[in-house]
Amino acid sequence: RDIVRYREKNGPFRRVEELLIIKGISKKRLQSW
């Protein structure tokens, strides 16, 4: 829900790394995804 809300408010993510802005997404978690 937080990813979708962020995207709706701020527009598309330019890079996958921008997901680190979302609360709860750590560098380690993002690396695994």
PDB file of all heavy atoms in Angstrom:
ATOM      1  N   ARG A   1       0.834  -1.203   0.000  1.00  0.00           N
ATOM      2  CA  ARG A   1       0.000   0.000   0.000  1.00  0.00           C
ATOM      3  C   ARG A   1       0.869   1.254   0.000  1.00  0.00           C
ATOM      4  O   ARG A   1       0.599   2.209  -0.739  1.00  0.00           O
ATOM      5  CB  ARG A   1      -0.910  -0.009   1.232  1.00  0.00           C
ATOM      6  CG  ARG A   1      -1.851   1.197   1.286  1.00  0.00           C
ATOM      7  CD  ARG A   1      -2.412   1.430   2.666  1.00  0.00           C
ATOM      8  NE  ARG A   1      -1.313   1.782   3.559  1.00  0.00           N
ATOM      9  CZ  ARG A   1      -1.234   1.407   4.834  1.00  0.00           C
ATOM     10  NH1 ARG A   1      -2.157   0.659   5.381  1.00  0.00           N
ATOM     11  NH2 ARG A   1      -0.200   1.784   5.576  1.00  0.00           N
ATOM     12  N   ASP A   2       1.929   1.247   0.806  1.00  0.00           N
ATOM     13  CA  ASP A   2       2.811   2.417   0.883  1.00  0.00           C
ATOM     14  C   ASP A   2       3.507   2.683  -0.454  1.00  0.00           C
ATOM     15  O   ASP A   2       3.682   3.838  -0.845  1.00  0.00           O
ATOM     16  CB  ASP A   2       3.843   2.234   1.989  1.00  0.00           C
ATOM     17  CG  ASP A   2       3.228   2.303   3.384  1.00  0.00           C
ATOM     18  OD1 ASP A   2       2.040   2.695   3.511  1.00  0.00           O
ATOM     19  OD2 ASP A   2       3.927   1.952   4.350  1.00  0.00           O
ATOM     20  N   ILE A   3       3.903   1.633  -1.157  1.00  0.00           N
ATOM     21  CA  ILE A   3       4.540   1.795  -2.472  1.00  0.00           C
ATOM     22  C   ILE A   3       3.557   2.410  -3.461  1.00  0.00           C
ATOM     23  O   ILE A   3       3.877   3.366  -4.173  1.00  0.00           O
ATOM     24  CB  ILE A   3       5.080   0.450  -2.994  1.00  0.00           C
ATOM     25  CG1 ILE A   3       6.267  -0.010  -2.130  1.00  0.00           C
ATOM     26  CG2 ILE A   3       5.479   0.550  -4.478  1.00  0.00           C
ATOM     27  CD1 ILE A   3       6.722  -1.438  -2.397  1.00  0.00           C
ATOM     28  N   VAL A   4       2.339   1.883  -3.493  1.00  0.00           N
ATOM     29  CA  VAL A   4       1.330   2.403  -4.422  1.00  0.00           C
ATOM     30  C   VAL A   4       0.985   3.852  -4.085  1.00  0.00           C
ATOM     31  O   VAL A   4       0.920   4.706  -4.980  1.00  0.00           O
ATOM     32  CB  VAL A   4       0.067   1.508  -4.411  1.00  0.00           C
ATOM     33  CG1 VAL A   4      -1.074   2.155  -5.186  1.00  0.00           C
ATOM     34  CG2 VAL A   4       0.391   0.129  -4.979  1.00  0.00           C
ATOM     35  N   ARG A   5       0.820   4.157  -2.810  1.00  0.00           N
ATOM     36  CA  ARG A   5       0.494   5.538  -2.405  1.00  0.00           C
ATOM     37  C   ARG A   5       1.621   6.496  -2.763  1.00  0.00           C
ATOM     38  O   ARG A   5       1.373   7.607  -3.242  1.00  0.00           O
ATOM     39  CB  ARG A   5       0.229   5.604  -0.903  1.00  0.00           C
ATOM     40  CG  ARG A   5      -1.138   5.098  -0.525  1.00  0.00           C
ATOM     41  CD  ARG A   5      -1.379   5.297   0.954  1.00  0.00           C
ATOM     42  NE  ARG A   5      -2.697   4.810   1.323  1.00  0.00           N
ATOM     43  CZ  ARG A   5      -3.095   4.665   2.574  1.00  0.00           C
ATOM     44  NH1 ARG A   5      -2.284   4.957   3.573  1.00  0.00           N
ATOM     45  NH2 ARG A   5      -4.300   4.215   2.842  1.00  0.00           N
ATOM     46  N   TYR A   6       2.859   6.079  -2.513  1.00  0.00           N
ATOM     47  CA  TYR A   6       4.001   6.939  -2.837  1.00  0.00           C
ATOM     48  C   TYR A   6       4.019   7.227  -4.340  1.00  0.00           C
ATOM     49  O   TYR A   6       4.187   8.372  -4.770  1.00  0.00           O
ATOM     50  CB  TYR A   6       5.321   6.282  -2.401  1.00  0.00           C
ATOM     51  CG  TYR A   6       6.505   7.166  -2.694  1.00  0.00           C
ATOM     52  CD1 TYR A   6       6.925   8.114  -1.768  1.00  0.00           C
ATOM     53  CD2 TYR A   6       7.184   7.091  -3.912  1.00  0.00           C
ATOM     54  CE1 TYR A   6       7.989   8.958  -2.043  1.00  0.00           C
ATOM     55  CE2 TYR A   6       8.249   7.925  -4.187  1.00  0.00           C
ATOM     56  CZ  TYR A   6       8.644   8.863  -3.259  1.00  0.00           C
ATOM     57  OH  TYR A   6       9.692   9.696  -3.539  1.00  0.00           O
ATOM     58  N   ARG A   7       3.816   6.184  -5.128  1.00  0.00           N
ATOM     59  CA  ARG A   7       3.830   6.305  -6.588  1.00  0.00           C
ATOM     60  C   ARG A   7       2.708   7.227  -7.067  1.00  0.00           C
ATOM     61  O   ARG A   7       2.909   8.059  -7.953  1.00  0.00           O
ATOM     62  CB  ARG A   7       3.652   4.895  -7.148  1.00  0.00           C
ATOM     63  CG  ARG A   7       3.779   4.744  -8.613  1.00  0.00           C
ATOM     64  CD  ARG A   7       3.660   3.290  -8.993  1.00  0.00           C
ATOM     65  NE  ARG A   7       2.299   2.805  -8.836  1.00  0.00           N
ATOM     66  CZ  ARG A   7       1.966   1.523  -8.695  1.00  0.00           C
ATOM     67  NH1 ARG A   7       2.894   0.600  -8.676  1.00  0.00           N
ATOM     68  NH2 ARG A   7       0.718   1.165  -8.577  1.00  0.00           N
ATOM     69  N   GLU A   8       1.513   7.096  -6.473  1.00  0.00           N
ATOM     70  CA  GLU A   8       0.385   7.942  -6.869  1.00  0.00           C
ATOM     71  C   GLU A   8       0.639   9.406  -6.536  1.00  0.00           C
ATOM     72  O   GLU A   8       0.255  10.296  -7.288  1.00  0.00           O
ATOM     73  CB  GLU A   8      -0.898   7.464  -6.172  1.00  0.00           C
ATOM     74  CG  GLU A   8      -1.414   6.156  -6.721  1.00  0.00           C
ATOM     75  CD  GLU A   8      -2.552   5.568  -5.890  1.00  0.00           C
ATOM     76  OE1 GLU A   8      -2.813   6.055  -4.760  1.00  0.00           O
ATOM     77  OE2 GLU A   8      -3.163   4.601  -6.371  1.00  0.00           O
ATOM     78  N   LYS A   9       1.319   9.650  -5.423  1.00  0.00           N
ATOM     79  CA  LYS A   9       1.566  11.020  -4.977  1.00  0.00           C
ATOM     80  C   LYS A   9       2.759  11.656  -5.690  1.00  0.00           C
ATOM     81  O   LYS A   9       2.748  12.847  -5.994  1.00  0.00           O
ATOM     82  CB  LYS A   9       1.810  11.021  -3.468  1.00  0.00           C
ATOM     83  CG  LYS A   9       1.980  12.391  -2.877  1.00  0.00           C
ATOM     84  CD  LYS A   9       2.131  12.325  -1.371  1.00  0.00           C
ATOM     85  CE  LYS A   9       2.325  13.715  -0.797  1.00  0.00           C
ATOM     86  NZ  LYS A   9       2.555  13.682   0.656  1.00  0.00           N
ATOM     87  N   ASN A  10       3.804  10.864  -5.962  1.00  0.00           N
ATOM     88  CA  ASN A  10       5.070  11.412  -6.452  1.00  0.00           C
ATOM     89  C   ASN A  10       5.422  11.036  -7.888  1.00  0.00           C
ATOM     90  O   ASN A  10       6.455  11.447  -8.383  1.00  0.00           O
ATOM     91  CB  ASN A  10       6.211  10.962  -5.531  1.00  0.00           C
ATOM     92  CG  ASN A  10       6.003  11.451  -4.120  1.00  0.00           C
ATOM     93  OD1 ASN A  10       6.134  12.625  -3.847  1.00  0.00           O
ATOM     94  ND2 ASN A  10       5.644  10.545  -3.223  1.00  0.00           N
ATOM     95  N   GLY A  11       4.608  10.231  -8.516  1.00  0.00           N
ATOM     96  CA  GLY A  11       4.913   9.804  -9.879  1.00  0.00           C
ATOM     97  C   GLY A  11       5.755   8.536  -9.883  1.00  0.00           C
ATOM     98  O   GLY A  11       6.065   7.977  -8.827  1.00  0.00           O
ATOM     99  N   PRO A  12       6.136   8.093 -11.078  1.00  0.00           N
ATOM    100  CA  PRO A  12       6.845   6.814 -11.198  1.00  0.00           C
ATOM    101  C   PRO A  12       8.235   6.838 -10.576  1.00  0.00           C
ATOM    102  O   PRO A  12       8.869   7.896 -10.482  1.00  0.00           O
ATOM    103  CB  PRO A  12       6.921   6.590 -12.707  1.00  0.00           C
ATOM    104  CG  PRO A  12       6.761   7.931 -13.320  1.00  0.00           C
ATOM    105  CD  PRO A  12       5.934   8.739 -12.367  1.00  0.00           C
ATOM    106  N   PHE A  13       8.663   5.661 -10.164  1.00  0.00           N
ATOM    107  CA  PHE A  13      10.032   5.494  -9.682  1.00  0.00           C
ATOM    108  C   PHE A  13      10.960   5.491 -10.896  1.00  0.00           C
ATOM    109  O   PHE A  13      10.692   4.803 -11.879  1.00  0.00           O
ATOM    110  CB  PHE A  13      10.181   4.162  -8.936  1.00  0.00           C
ATOM    111  CG  PHE A  13       9.400   4.094  -7.655  1.00  0.00           C
ATOM    112  CD1 PHE A  13       8.134   3.540  -7.627  1.00  0.00           C
ATOM    113  CD2 PHE A  13       9.942   4.569  -6.468  1.00  0.00           C
ATOM    114  CE1 PHE A  13       7.408   3.462  -6.445  1.00  0.00           C
ATOM    115  CE2 PHE A  13       9.231   4.503  -5.280  1.00  0.00           C
ATOM    116  CZ  PHE A  13       7.956   3.946  -5.266  1.00  0.00           C
ATOM    117  N   ARG A  14      12.030   6.258 -10.844  1.00  0.00           N
ATOM    118  CA  ARG A  14      12.994   6.264 -11.947  1.00  0.00           C
ATOM    119  C   ARG A  14      13.946   5.086 -11.845  1.00  0.00           C
ATOM    120  O   ARG A  14      14.399   4.550 -12.847  1.00  0.00           O
ATOM    121  CB  ARG A  14      13.771   7.577 -11.962  1.00  0.00           C
ATOM    122  CG  ARG A  14      12.917   8.773 -12.349  1.00  0.00           C
ATOM    123  CD  ARG A  14      13.712  10.059 -12.413  1.00  0.00           C
ATOM    124  NE  ARG A  14      14.437  10.352 -11.186  1.00  0.00           N
ATOM    125  CZ  ARG A  14      13.927  10.993 -10.128  1.00  0.00           C
ATOM    126  NH1 ARG A  14      12.687  11.399 -10.157  1.00  0.00           N
ATOM    127  NH2 ARG A  14      14.661  11.212  -9.054  1.00  0.00           N
ATOM    128  N   ARG A  15      14.273   4.717 -10.589  1.00  0.00           N
ATOM    129  CA  ARG A  15      15.182   3.591 -10.350  1.00  0.00           C
ATOM    130  C   ARG A  15      14.615   2.747  -9.219  1.00  0.00           C
ATOM    131  O   ARG A  15      13.975   3.282  -8.315  1.00  0.00           O
ATOM    132  CB  ARG A  15      16.570   4.105  -9.952  1.00  0.00           C
ATOM    133  CG  ARG A  15      17.233   4.931 -11.036  1.00  0.00           C
ATOM    134  CD  ARG A  15      18.574   5.560 -10.644  1.00  0.00           C
ATOM    135  NE  ARG A  15      19.271   4.856  -9.590  1.00  0.00           N
ATOM    136  CZ  ARG A  15      19.716   5.434  -8.467  1.00  0.00           C
ATOM    137  NH1 ARG A  15      19.521   6.725  -8.254  1.00  0.00           N
ATOM    138  NH2 ARG A  15      20.366   4.732  -7.568  1.00  0.00           N
ATOM    139  N   VAL A  16      14.900   1.469  -9.248  1.00  0.00           N
ATOM    140  CA  VAL A  16      14.440   0.546  -8.213  1.00  0.00           C
ATOM    141  C   VAL A  16      14.934   1.005  -6.838  1.00  0.00           C
ATOM    142  O   VAL A  16      14.234   0.888  -5.831  1.00  0.00           O
ATOM    143  CB  VAL A  16      14.911  -0.892  -8.538  1.00  0.00           C
ATOM    144  CG1 VAL A  16      14.692  -1.822  -7.374  1.00  0.00           C
ATOM    145  CG2 VAL A  16      14.209  -1.405  -9.785  1.00  0.00           C
ATOM    146  N   GLU A  17      16.134   1.587  -6.782  1.00  0.00           N
ATOM    147  CA  GLU A  17      16.725   2.028  -5.516  1.00  0.00           C
ATOM    148  C   GLU A  17      15.874   3.077  -4.799  1.00  0.00           C
ATOM    149  O   GLU A  17      16.001   3.258  -3.589  1.00  0.00           O
ATOM    150  CB  GLU A  17      18.145   2.576  -5.747  1.00  0.00           C
ATOM    151  CG  GLU A  17      19.155   1.525  -6.117  1.00  0.00           C
ATOM    152  CD  GLU A  17      19.062   1.038  -7.573  1.00  0.00           C
ATOM    153  OE1 GLU A  17      18.379   1.683  -8.396  1.00  0.00           O
ATOM    154  OE2 GLU A  17      19.661   0.005  -7.868  1.00  0.00           O
ATOM    155  N   GLU A  18      15.007   3.763  -5.532  1.00  0.00           N
ATOM    156  CA  GLU A  18      14.138   4.767  -4.911  1.00  0.00           C
ATOM    157  C   GLU A  18      13.152   4.127  -3.932  1.00  0.00           C
ATOM    158  O   GLU A  18      12.572   4.825  -3.102  1.00  0.00           O
ATOM    159  CB  GLU A  18      13.395   5.567  -5.978  1.00  0.00           C
ATOM    160  CG  GLU A  18      14.297   6.484  -6.762  1.00  0.00           C
ATOM    161  CD  GLU A  18      13.557   7.242  -7.848  1.00  0.00           C
ATOM    162  OE1 GLU A  18      12.331   7.435  -7.737  1.00  0.00           O
ATOM    163  OE2 GLU A  18      14.213   7.639  -8.824  1.00  0.00           O
ATOM    164  N   LEU A  19      12.970   2.824  -4.001  1.00  0.00           N
ATOM    165  CA  LEU A  19      12.090   2.139  -3.050  1.00  0.00           C
ATOM    166  C   LEU A  19      12.611   2.267  -1.617  1.00  0.00           C
ATOM    167  O   LEU A  19      11.855   2.075  -0.665  1.00  0.00           O
ATOM    168  CB  LEU A  19      11.941   0.657  -3.417  1.00  0.00           C
ATOM    169  CG  LEU A  19      11.083   0.366  -4.642  1.00  0.00           C
ATOM    170  CD1 LEU A  19      11.194  -1.100  -5.015  1.00  0.00           C
ATOM    171  CD2 LEU A  19       9.632   0.739  -4.384  1.00  0.00           C
ATOM    172  N   LEU A  20      13.880   2.596  -1.454  1.00  0.00           N
ATOM    173  CA  LEU A  20      14.445   2.774  -0.110  1.00  0.00           C
ATOM    174  C   LEU A  20      13.747   3.912   0.642  1.00  0.00           C
ATOM    175  O   LEU A  20      13.836   3.992   1.867  1.00  0.00           O
ATOM    176  CB  LEU A  20      15.950   3.033  -0.187  1.00  0.00           C
ATOM    177  CG  LEU A  20      16.794   1.850  -0.668  1.00  0.00           C
ATOM    178  CD1 LEU A  20      18.223   2.281  -0.931  1.00  0.00           C
ATOM    179  CD2 LEU A  20      16.747   0.717   0.355  1.00  0.00           C
ATOM    180  N   ILE A  21      13.043   4.761  -0.068  1.00  0.00           N
ATOM    181  CA  ILE A  21      12.286   5.856   0.540  1.00  0.00           C
ATOM    182  C   ILE A  21      11.134   5.293   1.382  1.00  0.00           C
ATOM    183  O   ILE A  21      10.730   5.887   2.369  1.00  0.00           O
ATOM    184  CB  ILE A  21      11.741   6.806  -0.557  1.00  0.00           C
ATOM    185  CG1 ILE A  21      12.900   7.518  -1.266  1.00  0.00           C
ATOM    186  CG2 ILE A  21      10.738   7.794   0.001  1.00  0.00           C
ATOM    187  CD1 ILE A  21      12.511   8.202  -2.555  1.00  0.00           C
ATOM    188  N   ILE A  22      10.624   4.131   0.986  1.00  0.00           N
ATOM    189  CA  ILE A  22       9.465   3.526   1.647  1.00  0.00           C
ATOM    190  C   ILE A  22       9.873   2.949   2.999  1.00  0.00           C
ATOM    191  O   ILE A  22      10.848   2.192   3.083  1.00  0.00           O
ATOM    192  CB  ILE A  22       8.839   2.415   0.765  1.00  0.00           C
ATOM    193  CG1 ILE A  22       8.526   2.936  -0.639  1.00  0.00           C
ATOM    194  CG2 ILE A  22       7.621   1.809   1.431  1.00  0.00           C
ATOM    195  CD1 ILE A  22       7.542   4.052  -0.724  1.00  0.00           C
ATOM    196  N   LYS A  23       9.132   3.303   4.034  1.00  0.00           N
ATOM    197  CA  LYS A  23       9.415   2.810   5.385  1.00  0.00           C
ATOM    198  C   LYS A  23       9.392   1.286   5.395  1.00  0.00           C
ATOM    199  O   LYS A  23       8.471   0.668   4.871  1.00  0.00           O
ATOM    200  CB  LYS A  23       8.376   3.354   6.366  1.00  0.00           C
ATOM    201  CG  LYS A  23       8.641   2.966   7.792  1.00  0.00           C
ATOM    202  CD  LYS A  23       7.599   3.537   8.714  1.00  0.00           C
ATOM    203  CE  LYS A  23       7.902   3.056  10.119  1.00  0.00           C
ATOM    204  NZ  LYS A  23       6.838   3.368  11.040  1.00  0.00           N
ATOM    205  N   GLY A  24      10.419   0.697   5.980  1.00  0.00           N
ATOM    206  CA  GLY A  24      10.480  -0.755   6.104  1.00  0.00           C
ATOM    207  C   GLY A  24      11.297  -1.441   5.022  1.00  0.00           C
ATOM    208  O   GLY A  24      11.578  -2.627   5.115  1.00  0.00           O
ATOM    209  N   ILE A  25      11.668  -0.698   3.983  1.00  0.00           N
ATOM    210  CA  ILE A  25      12.488  -1.288   2.921  1.00  0.00           C
ATOM    211  C   ILE A  25      13.950  -0.922   3.192  1.00  0.00           C
ATOM    212  O   ILE A  25      14.337   0.236   3.081  1.00  0.00           O
ATOM    213  CB  ILE A  25      12.049  -0.827   1.520  1.00  0.00           C
ATOM    214  CG1 ILE A  25      10.600  -1.251   1.263  1.00  0.00           C
ATOM    215  CG2 ILE A  25      12.982  -1.408   0.457  1.00  0.00           C
ATOM    216  CD1 ILE A  25      10.056  -0.861  -0.092  1.00  0.00           C
ATOM    217  N   SER A  26      14.707  -1.930   3.560  1.00  0.00           N
ATOM    218  CA  SER A  26      16.131  -1.740   3.857  1.00  0.00           C
ATOM    219  C   SER A  26      16.955  -2.043   2.606  1.00  0.00           C
ATOM    220  O   SER A  26      16.454  -2.629   1.640  1.00  0.00           O
ATOM    221  CB  SER A  26      16.557  -2.686   4.977  1.00  0.00           C
ATOM    222  OG  SER A  26      16.434  -4.036   4.530  1.00  0.00           O
ATOM    223  N   LYS A  27      18.223  -1.664   2.640  1.00  0.00           N
ATOM    224  CA  LYS A  27      19.117  -1.972   1.519  1.00  0.00           C
ATOM    225  C   LYS A  27      19.209  -3.486   1.311  1.00  0.00           C
ATOM    226  O   LYS A  27      19.211  -3.963   0.182  1.00  0.00           O
ATOM    227  CB  LYS A  27      20.512  -1.399   1.771  1.00  0.00           C
ATOM    228  CG  LYS A  27      20.571   0.096   1.643  1.00  0.00           C
ATOM    229  CD  LYS A  27      21.978   0.612   1.877  1.00  0.00           C
ATOM    230  CE  LYS A  27      22.012   2.120   1.786  1.00  0.00           C
ATOM    231  NZ  LYS A  27      23.363   2.650   1.986  1.00  0.00           N
ATOM    232  N   LYS A  28      19.276  -4.223   2.414  1.00  0.00           N
ATOM    233  CA  LYS A  28      19.380  -5.686   2.329  1.00  0.00           C
ATOM    234  C   LYS A  28      18.132  -6.280   1.676  1.00  0.00           C
ATOM    235  O   LYS A  28      18.222  -7.131   0.795  1.00  0.00           O
ATOM    236  CB  LYS A  28      19.579  -6.263   3.735  1.00  0.00           C
ATOM    237  CG  LYS A  28      19.751  -7.756   3.753  1.00  0.00           C
ATOM    238  CD  LYS A  28      19.991  -8.251   5.168  1.00  0.00           C
ATOM    239  CE  LYS A  28      20.108  -9.762   5.181  1.00  0.00           C
ATOM    240  NZ  LYS A  28      20.275 -10.276   6.535  1.00  0.00           N
ATOM    241  N   ARG A  29      16.964  -5.824   2.108  1.00  0.00           N
ATOM    242  CA  ARG A  29      15.705  -6.327   1.543  1.00  0.00           C
ATOM    243  C   ARG A  29      15.623  -5.978   0.060  1.00  0.00           C
ATOM    244  O   ARG A  29      15.276  -6.809  -0.769  1.00  0.00           O
ATOM    245  CB  ARG A  29      14.529  -5.742   2.302  1.00  0.00           C
ATOM    246  CG  ARG A  29      13.191  -6.236   1.793  1.00  0.00           C
ATOM    247  CD  ARG A  29      12.078  -5.791   2.674  1.00  0.00           C
ATOM    248  NE  ARG A  29      11.976  -6.735   3.779  1.00  0.00           N
ATOM    249  CZ  ARG A  29      11.142  -6.619   4.781  1.00  0.00           C
ATOM    250  NH1 ARG A  29      10.322  -5.593   4.848  1.00  0.00           N
ATOM    251  NH2 ARG A  29      11.098  -7.518   5.729  1.00  0.00           N
ATOM    252  N   LEU A  30      15.942  -4.737  -0.282  1.00  0.00           N
ATOM    253  CA  LEU A  30      15.886  -4.305  -1.677  1.00  0.00           C
ATOM    254  C   LEU A  30      16.840  -5.143  -2.527  1.00  0.00           C
ATOM    255  O   LEU A  30      16.493  -5.550  -3.636  1.00  0.00           O
ATOM    256  CB  LEU A  30      16.224  -2.819  -1.802  1.00  0.00           C
ATOM    257  CG  LEU A  30      16.174  -2.261  -3.218  1.00  0.00           C
ATOM    258  CD1 LEU A  30      14.784  -2.392  -3.818  1.00  0.00           C
ATOM    259  CD2 LEU A  30      16.626  -0.814  -3.226  1.00  0.00           C
ATOM    260  N   GLN A  31      18.021  -5.424  -2.003  1.00  0.00           N
ATOM    261  CA  GLN A  31      18.998  -6.239  -2.734  1.00  0.00           C
ATOM    262  C   GLN A  31      18.413  -7.615  -3.053  1.00  0.00           C
ATOM    263  O   GLN A  31      18.605  -8.132  -4.154  1.00  0.00           O
ATOM    264  CB  GLN A  31      20.280  -6.369  -1.907  1.00  0.00           C
ATOM    265  CG  GLN A  31      21.476  -6.825  -2.707  1.00  0.00           C
ATOM    266  CD  GLN A  31      21.844  -5.854  -3.828  1.00  0.00           C
ATOM    267  OE1 GLN A  31      21.750  -4.638  -3.680  1.00  0.00           O
ATOM    268  NE2 GLN A  31      22.248  -6.377  -4.958  1.00  0.00           N
ATOM    269  N   SER A  32      17.681  -8.188  -2.109  1.00  0.00           N
ATOM    270  CA  SER A  32      17.100  -9.522  -2.339  1.00  0.00           C
ATOM    271  C   SER A  32      15.969  -9.479  -3.361  1.00  0.00           C
ATOM    272  O   SER A  32      15.682 -10.472  -4.011  1.00  0.00           O
ATOM    273  CB  SER A  32      16.608 -10.131  -1.024  1.00  0.00           C
ATOM    274  OG  SER A  32      15.434  -9.480  -0.569  1.00  0.00           O
ATOM    275  N   TRP A  33      15.340  -8.317  -3.522  1.00  0.00           N
ATOM    276  CA  TRP A  33      14.244  -8.179  -4.490  1.00  0.00           C
ATOM    277  C   TRP A  33      14.706  -7.778  -5.880  1.00  0.00           C
ATOM    278  O   TRP A  33      13.975  -7.970  -6.850  1.00  0.00           O
ATOM    279  CB  TRP A  33      13.267  -7.097  -4.032  1.00  0.00           C
ATOM    280  CG  TRP A  33      12.468  -7.427  -2.835  1.00  0.00           C
ATOM    281  CD1 TRP A  33      12.222  -8.661  -2.282  1.00  0.00           C
ATOM    282  CD2 TRP A  33      11.769  -6.492  -2.020  1.00  0.00           C
ATOM    283  NE1 TRP A  33      11.436  -8.527  -1.185  1.00  0.00           N
ATOM    284  CE2 TRP A  33      11.138  -7.210  -0.991  1.00  0.00           C
ATOM    285  CE3 TRP A  33      11.632  -5.111  -2.050  1.00  0.00           C
ATOM    286  CZ2 TRP A  33      10.365  -6.602  -0.017  1.00  0.00           C
ATOM    287  CZ3 TRP A  33      10.862  -4.502  -1.082  1.00  0.00           C
ATOM    288  CH2 TRP A  33      10.235  -5.241  -0.077  1.00  0.00           C
TER     289      TRP A  33
END
